[in-house]
Protein backbone atom coordinates (compact mmCIF):
# COMPACT_ATOMS: atom_id res chain seq x y z
CA MET A 1 27.29 -20.78 -73.60
CA PHE A 2 31.01 -20.21 -73.81
CA ASN A 3 31.61 -21.40 -70.28
CA LYS A 4 29.72 -24.50 -70.98
CA ILE A 5 31.99 -25.22 -73.91
CA VAL A 6 34.98 -24.79 -71.87
CA TYR A 7 33.81 -26.93 -69.03
CA GLY A 8 32.71 -29.63 -71.58
CA LEU A 9 36.09 -29.58 -73.35
CA GLY A 10 37.87 -29.81 -69.93
CA ILE A 11 35.91 -32.91 -68.81
CA LEU A 12 36.66 -34.58 -72.22
CA ALA A 13 40.30 -33.68 -71.92
CA SER A 14 40.47 -34.98 -68.34
CA LEU A 15 38.83 -38.16 -69.23
CA GLY A 16 41.06 -38.73 -72.07
CA LEU A 17 44.16 -38.08 -70.16
CA SER A 18 43.17 -40.25 -67.37
CA ALA A 19 42.40 -43.18 -69.67
CA ALA A 20 45.56 -42.76 -71.53
CA ALA A 21 47.45 -43.03 -68.20
CA TYR A 22 45.48 -45.93 -67.04
CA PHE A 23 46.36 -47.95 -70.22
CA GLN A 24 49.89 -46.94 -69.75
CA LYS A 25 50.02 -44.76 -72.94
CA LEU A 26 51.80 -41.84 -71.10
CA PRO A 27 55.15 -41.72 -69.31
CA PHE A 28 53.45 -40.73 -66.13
CA SER A 29 51.74 -42.92 -63.36
CA PHE A 30 47.96 -43.11 -63.13
CA THR A 31 48.17 -41.64 -59.74
CA GLU A 32 50.22 -38.57 -60.79
CA THR A 33 47.83 -38.06 -63.82
CA LEU A 34 44.79 -38.04 -61.44
CA GLY A 35 46.64 -35.50 -59.31
CA PHE A 36 47.16 -33.44 -62.36
CA VAL A 37 43.60 -33.59 -63.40
CA THR A 38 41.92 -32.90 -60.19
CA GLY A 39 44.38 -30.27 -59.26
CA ALA A 40 43.76 -28.36 -62.33
CA TRP A 41 40.09 -28.40 -61.93
CA CYS A 42 40.46 -27.49 -58.19
CA VAL A 43 42.45 -24.32 -58.89
CA TRP A 44 40.20 -23.38 -61.75
CA LEU A 45 37.05 -23.73 -59.65
CA THR A 46 38.68 -21.68 -56.82
CA VAL A 47 39.47 -18.88 -59.35
CA LYS A 48 35.65 -18.98 -60.27
CA GLU A 49 34.69 -19.13 -56.66
CA ASN A 50 32.87 -22.31 -57.27
CA ILE A 51 32.16 -24.30 -54.10
CA TRP A 52 32.95 -27.56 -55.99
CA ASN A 53 36.65 -26.64 -55.65
CA TRP A 54 36.49 -28.26 -52.13
CA PRO A 55 35.37 -31.73 -52.76
CA ILE A 56 37.69 -31.96 -55.89
CA GLY A 57 40.42 -30.54 -53.89
CA ILE A 58 40.06 -33.21 -51.14
CA ALA A 59 40.17 -35.97 -53.95
CA ASN A 60 43.32 -34.30 -55.27
CA SER A 61 44.91 -34.33 -51.81
CA ALA A 62 44.24 -38.07 -51.58
CA PHE A 63 46.06 -38.66 -54.90
CA PHE A 64 49.23 -36.58 -53.92
CA LEU A 65 49.29 -38.14 -50.58
CA ILE A 66 50.12 -41.49 -52.28
CA LEU A 67 52.32 -40.00 -54.88
CA PHE A 68 54.49 -37.88 -52.54
CA TRP A 69 54.76 -40.82 -50.09
CA GLN A 70 56.22 -42.97 -52.87
CA SER A 71 58.64 -40.16 -53.82
CA SER A 72 59.90 -39.93 -50.22
CA LEU A 73 58.64 -36.26 -49.89
CA PHE A 74 57.25 -37.03 -46.41
CA ALA A 75 56.25 -33.49 -45.43
CA ASP A 76 54.32 -32.94 -48.67
CA ALA A 77 52.66 -36.17 -48.11
CA ALA A 78 51.63 -35.27 -44.44
CA LEU A 79 50.58 -31.86 -45.90
CA GLN A 80 47.85 -33.62 -47.90
CA ILE A 81 46.17 -34.96 -44.63
CA VAL A 82 45.96 -31.29 -43.31
CA TYR A 83 44.61 -30.33 -46.65
CA ILE A 84 41.87 -32.76 -46.39
CA ILE A 85 40.91 -31.57 -43.05
CA LEU A 86 41.06 -27.83 -44.14
CA GLY A 87 39.12 -28.80 -47.30
CA ILE A 88 36.26 -29.96 -45.07
CA LEU A 89 36.32 -26.67 -43.07
CA GLY A 90 36.83 -24.48 -46.21
CA TRP A 91 33.68 -26.09 -47.70
CA TYR A 92 31.74 -25.33 -44.71
CA TRP A 93 33.10 -21.86 -44.26
CA TRP A 94 32.58 -20.84 -47.84
CA LEU A 95 28.89 -21.87 -47.57
CA TYR A 96 28.02 -20.57 -44.06
CA GLY A 97 30.91 -18.36 -42.89
CA GLY A 98 29.27 -15.00 -43.76
CA ALA A 99 26.96 -12.96 -41.78
CA LYS A 100 24.06 -14.98 -40.34
CA LYS A 101 25.61 -18.10 -41.94
CA THR A 102 25.38 -16.77 -45.43
CA GLU A 103 28.05 -17.35 -48.15
CA LEU A 104 31.42 -16.01 -47.07
CA PRO A 105 32.48 -12.88 -49.12
CA ILE A 106 36.13 -12.25 -50.33
CA SER A 107 38.21 -10.15 -47.69
CA LYS A 108 41.69 -9.08 -46.94
CA ALA A 109 43.63 -10.30 -43.86
CA PRO A 110 43.98 -7.90 -41.07
CA ARG A 111 47.43 -6.94 -39.77
CA ARG A 112 47.03 -8.97 -36.55
CA GLU A 113 46.41 -12.15 -38.66
CA TRP A 114 49.44 -11.55 -40.78
CA ILE A 115 51.72 -11.34 -37.80
CA TRP A 116 50.79 -14.54 -36.18
CA LEU A 117 50.82 -16.21 -39.45
CA ALA A 118 54.35 -14.97 -40.09
CA ILE A 119 55.51 -16.34 -36.77
CA LEU A 120 53.79 -19.65 -37.41
CA LEU A 121 55.49 -19.82 -40.84
CA ALA A 122 58.97 -19.27 -39.31
CA LEU A 123 58.46 -21.76 -36.46
CA GLY A 124 56.87 -24.29 -38.77
CA THR A 125 59.65 -24.33 -41.28
CA TRP A 126 62.48 -24.55 -38.58
CA ALA A 127 60.60 -27.31 -36.85
CA GLU A 128 59.87 -29.31 -40.07
CA PHE A 129 63.38 -28.85 -41.42
CA ALA A 130 64.92 -30.42 -38.15
CA ILE A 131 62.50 -33.31 -38.36
CA LEU A 132 62.91 -34.00 -42.15
CA VAL A 133 66.71 -33.90 -41.75
CA HIS A 134 66.55 -36.82 -39.42
CA ALA A 135 63.83 -38.50 -41.63
CA HIS A 136 66.31 -38.34 -44.64
CA ASP A 137 63.77 -36.41 -46.63
CA ALA A 138 64.85 -35.89 -50.28
CA ALA A 139 64.76 -32.10 -50.02
CA PRO A 140 64.37 -31.13 -46.30
CA PHE A 141 64.60 -27.38 -46.48
CA LEU A 142 62.43 -26.85 -49.55
CA ASP A 143 60.04 -29.40 -48.40
CA ALA A 144 59.63 -27.70 -45.05
CA LEU A 145 59.43 -24.24 -46.37
CA THR A 146 56.83 -25.12 -49.02
CA THR A 147 54.78 -27.14 -46.45
CA ALA A 148 54.74 -24.19 -44.03
CA MET A 149 53.89 -21.73 -46.85
CA SER A 150 51.20 -24.06 -48.24
CA LEU A 151 49.47 -24.31 -44.82
CA VAL A 152 49.36 -20.60 -44.41
CA ALA A 153 47.96 -20.19 -48.04
CA GLN A 154 45.53 -22.84 -47.49
CA TYR A 155 44.28 -21.23 -44.33
CA LEU A 156 43.91 -17.90 -45.97
CA LEU A 157 41.95 -19.54 -48.94
CA THR A 158 39.55 -21.35 -46.34
CA LYS A 159 38.84 -17.86 -45.01
CA LYS A 160 38.58 -16.45 -48.51
CA ARG A 161 41.31 -13.92 -48.00
CA MET A 162 42.60 -12.16 -51.13
CA GLU A 163 46.35 -12.60 -50.15
CA ASN A 164 46.20 -16.47 -50.48
CA TRP A 165 46.98 -16.02 -54.17
CA TYR A 166 50.39 -14.13 -53.46
CA ILE A 167 51.36 -17.21 -51.14
CA TRP A 168 50.38 -19.63 -53.62
CA MET A 169 52.20 -18.04 -56.49
CA SER A 170 55.36 -17.90 -54.42
CA VAL A 171 55.00 -21.61 -53.31
CA ASP A 172 54.25 -22.71 -56.96
CA VAL A 173 57.64 -21.32 -58.08
CA ILE A 174 59.49 -23.31 -55.58
CA TYR A 175 57.51 -26.38 -56.30
CA VAL A 176 58.13 -26.33 -59.94
CA TYR A 177 61.90 -26.49 -59.11
CA LEU A 178 61.49 -29.14 -56.51
CA TYR A 179 59.47 -31.49 -58.63
CA ILE A 180 61.84 -31.09 -61.70
CA ILE A 181 64.79 -32.25 -59.56
CA LYS A 182 62.59 -35.26 -58.33
CA ASP A 183 61.70 -36.17 -62.09
CA LEU A 184 57.96 -35.45 -61.46
CA TYR A 185 57.83 -33.49 -64.70
CA LEU A 186 53.96 -33.75 -65.12
CA THR A 187 53.49 -32.50 -61.54
CA ALA A 188 56.03 -29.63 -62.11
CA PHE A 189 54.08 -28.69 -65.25
CA LEU A 190 50.90 -28.78 -63.30
CA TYR A 191 52.45 -26.31 -60.73
CA ALA A 192 53.58 -23.98 -63.60
CA ILE A 193 49.90 -23.96 -64.72
CA PHE A 194 48.81 -23.25 -61.16
CA PHE A 195 50.94 -20.19 -60.98
CA LEU A 196 49.22 -18.81 -64.21
CA MET A 197 45.92 -19.82 -62.84
CA CYS A 198 46.73 -17.91 -59.54
CA VAL A 199 47.52 -14.86 -61.45
CA ARG A 200 44.08 -15.04 -63.13
CA GLY A 201 42.51 -15.96 -59.74
CA LEU A 202 44.05 -12.72 -58.06
CA VAL A 203 42.66 -10.46 -60.87
CA GLU A 204 39.27 -11.98 -60.78
CA TRP A 205 39.07 -12.00 -56.90
CA LYS A 206 40.19 -8.19 -56.85
CA ARG A 207 37.46 -7.49 -59.38
CA THR A 208 34.84 -9.15 -57.25
CA HIS A 209 36.03 -7.76 -54.04
CA ALA A 210 35.86 -4.24 -55.53
CA LYS A 211 32.29 -4.82 -56.83
CA HIS A 212 31.31 -6.18 -53.37
CA LEU A 213 32.70 -3.00 -51.68
CA SER A 214 30.93 -0.71 -54.16
CA LEU A 215 27.55 -2.42 -53.26
CA GLN A 216 28.17 -1.67 -49.67
CA LYS A 217 28.46 1.98 -50.12
């Protein structure tokens, strides 16, 4: 009953906020508000391991693609396209990525996976930074770094790796600063909420993972 009340209040708040932005009653654009609403729902549903986080996340990426392109954050805009693709893959993997195409369980990334992800992170940041400097990006290094880190985190999330939360928390801290200096205050506030939700997600996923391991013994 409590969860139903929480979801109901969340839906009402989302509709009210979206309507207020549409009728220009808020100091934020309608697109940024939709990104805020769908982003909050996406992370909350991910914390709860709810499969609906993927379609809502795909919609969120579409809204942020528009918003970031308008703000000249080109790497973040391009990142949303990758998110949409990974969202489709994650949707499938969460449903059928387990043994015999069953639901994918939470797991920890093996050392070999971390090594090649670290290499890709370093190379990706360097390459994106060089490109973004020539493209006159608003914040080339931070944009490149957060883009590369976000891709790593999103990949880990699609595979339901526990460590995705640590990467997301690090990215969220940088994003809060980046969006404040770009005057995207609602989006900065959203990423501060994301950070707190990631902490909650890490705690809940650890509990679920421990329970799953105990059942296997």
